[in-house]
């Protein structure tokens, strides 16, 4: 079973690469936990994929 969008964004190690991209690359702003929380709030307020 696939992870929910908040879990995928907030906990998946491949997605987490965006915040730890390696030498010579700039990470995206914020943290992976913050991104997961934003997606969770979005889903709870009616967002989502149909």
N, C-alpha and C. Protein backbone atom coordinates (compact mmCIF):
# COMPACT_ATOMS: atom_id res chain seq x y z
N UNK A 1 0.84 -1.18 0.00
CA UNK A 1 0.00 0.00 0.00
C UNK A 1 0.89 1.24 0.00
N UNK A 2 0.53 2.20 -0.79
CA UNK A 2 1.30 3.43 -0.90
C UNK A 2 1.10 4.31 0.33
N UNK A 3 2.12 5.08 0.63
CA UNK A 3 2.04 6.02 1.76
C UNK A 3 1.08 7.15 1.43
N UNK A 4 0.49 7.71 2.47
CA UNK A 4 -0.37 8.88 2.27
C UNK A 4 0.51 10.05 1.82
N UNK A 5 -0.05 11.04 1.14
CA UNK A 5 0.76 12.18 0.71
C UNK A 5 1.53 12.85 1.86
N UNK A 6 0.92 13.10 3.04
CA UNK A 6 1.71 13.71 4.11
C UNK A 6 2.88 12.83 4.57
N UNK A 7 2.66 11.52 4.65
CA UNK A 7 3.75 10.62 5.04
C UNK A 7 4.82 10.55 3.96
N UNK A 8 4.40 10.51 2.72
CA UNK A 8 5.36 10.45 1.62
C UNK A 8 6.25 11.69 1.62
N UNK A 9 5.65 12.86 1.68
CA UNK A 9 6.42 14.10 1.67
C UNK A 9 7.20 14.28 2.96
N UNK A 10 6.59 13.96 4.08
CA UNK A 10 7.21 14.23 5.38
C UNK A 10 8.21 13.22 5.87
N UNK A 11 8.20 11.98 5.30
CA UNK A 11 9.06 10.93 5.87
C UNK A 11 9.88 10.13 4.86
N UNK A 12 9.51 10.14 3.61
CA UNK A 12 10.21 9.32 2.61
C UNK A 12 11.65 9.79 2.42
N UNK A 13 12.59 8.86 2.46
CA UNK A 13 14.00 9.23 2.35
C UNK A 13 14.36 9.79 0.98
N UNK A 14 13.74 9.30 -0.08
CA UNK A 14 14.03 9.84 -1.41
C UNK A 14 13.55 11.29 -1.51
N UNK A 15 12.38 11.58 -0.99
CA UNK A 15 11.89 12.96 -0.97
C UNK A 15 12.80 13.81 -0.09
N UNK A 16 13.28 13.23 1.01
CA UNK A 16 14.16 13.95 1.93
C UNK A 16 15.45 14.43 1.29
N UNK A 17 15.82 13.84 0.16
CA UNK A 17 17.02 14.26 -0.54
C UNK A 17 16.97 15.76 -0.86
N UNK A 18 15.78 16.31 -1.06
CA UNK A 18 15.65 17.73 -1.38
C UNK A 18 16.23 18.63 -0.29
N UNK A 19 16.25 18.14 0.95
CA UNK A 19 16.77 18.93 2.07
C UNK A 19 18.21 18.58 2.39
N UNK A 20 18.73 17.53 1.76
CA UNK A 20 20.15 17.14 1.93
C UNK A 20 20.67 16.68 0.57
N UNK A 21 20.75 17.62 -0.38
CA UNK A 21 21.03 17.23 -1.76
C UNK A 21 22.49 16.87 -2.07
N UNK A 22 23.38 17.06 -1.16
CA UNK A 22 24.77 16.70 -1.43
C UNK A 22 25.63 17.89 -1.81
N UNK A 23 26.90 17.60 -1.97
CA UNK A 23 27.91 18.63 -2.23
C UNK A 23 27.58 19.47 -3.45
N UNK A 24 27.70 20.78 -3.29
CA UNK A 24 27.53 21.69 -4.40
C UNK A 24 26.09 22.03 -4.76
N UNK A 25 25.15 21.51 -4.00
CA UNK A 25 23.74 21.78 -4.29
C UNK A 25 23.09 22.44 -3.08
N UNK A 26 22.16 23.32 -3.33
CA UNK A 26 21.48 24.03 -2.26
C UNK A 26 20.20 23.30 -1.87
N UNK A 27 19.96 23.14 -0.57
CA UNK A 27 18.72 22.49 -0.15
C UNK A 27 17.52 23.41 -0.36
N UNK A 28 16.35 22.80 -0.47
CA UNK A 28 15.13 23.60 -0.54
C UNK A 28 14.88 24.23 0.82
N UNK A 29 14.11 25.31 0.89
CA UNK A 29 13.87 25.97 2.17
C UNK A 29 13.00 25.12 3.11
N UNK A 30 13.11 25.39 4.39
CA UNK A 30 12.32 24.69 5.39
C UNK A 30 12.90 23.32 5.70
N UNK A 31 12.06 22.46 6.26
CA UNK A 31 12.47 21.10 6.59
C UNK A 31 11.48 20.11 5.98
N UNK A 32 11.88 18.87 5.94
CA UNK A 32 10.98 17.84 5.43
C UNK A 32 9.76 17.71 6.34
N UNK A 33 9.97 17.82 7.65
CA UNK A 33 8.85 17.73 8.58
C UNK A 33 7.85 18.87 8.35
N UNK A 34 8.35 20.07 8.09
CA UNK A 34 7.47 21.20 7.81
C UNK A 34 6.68 20.96 6.53
N UNK A 35 7.33 20.44 5.51
CA UNK A 35 6.64 20.15 4.25
C UNK A 35 5.54 19.11 4.47
N UNK A 36 5.84 18.08 5.25
CA UNK A 36 4.84 17.06 5.55
C UNK A 36 3.66 17.65 6.29
N UNK A 37 3.93 18.55 7.23
CA UNK A 37 2.85 19.18 8.00
C UNK A 37 1.99 20.07 7.10
N UNK A 38 2.61 20.77 6.16
CA UNK A 38 1.84 21.61 5.23
C UNK A 38 0.95 20.75 4.34
N UNK A 39 1.46 19.63 3.86
CA UNK A 39 0.65 18.74 3.02
C UNK A 39 -0.49 18.14 3.85
N UNK A 40 -0.19 17.79 5.09
CA UNK A 40 -1.24 17.25 5.97
C UNK A 40 -2.36 18.27 6.19
N UNK A 41 -1.99 19.53 6.43
CA UNK A 41 -2.99 20.59 6.61
C UNK A 41 -3.80 20.78 5.33
N UNK A 42 -3.14 20.72 4.18
CA UNK A 42 -3.82 20.85 2.90
C UNK A 42 -4.85 19.74 2.71
N UNK A 43 -4.45 18.50 3.01
CA UNK A 43 -5.36 17.37 2.86
C UNK A 43 -6.56 17.50 3.82
N UNK A 44 -6.29 17.91 5.06
CA UNK A 44 -7.36 18.04 6.05
C UNK A 44 -8.35 19.14 5.73
N UNK A 45 -7.94 20.11 4.90
CA UNK A 45 -8.84 21.21 4.56
C UNK A 45 -9.48 21.03 3.19
N UNK A 46 -9.45 19.79 2.70
CA UNK A 46 -10.16 19.50 1.46
C UNK A 46 -9.29 19.33 0.24
N UNK A 47 -8.00 19.51 0.39
CA UNK A 47 -7.10 19.27 -0.74
C UNK A 47 -6.98 17.77 -0.95
N UNK A 48 -6.27 17.40 -1.91
CA UNK A 48 -6.07 15.98 -2.15
C UNK A 48 -6.08 15.65 -3.62
N UNK A 49 -5.84 14.42 -3.87
CA UNK A 49 -5.79 13.94 -5.25
C UNK A 49 -7.01 13.08 -5.49
N UNK A 50 -7.70 13.35 -6.57
CA UNK A 50 -8.89 12.55 -6.86
C UNK A 50 -8.62 11.56 -7.96
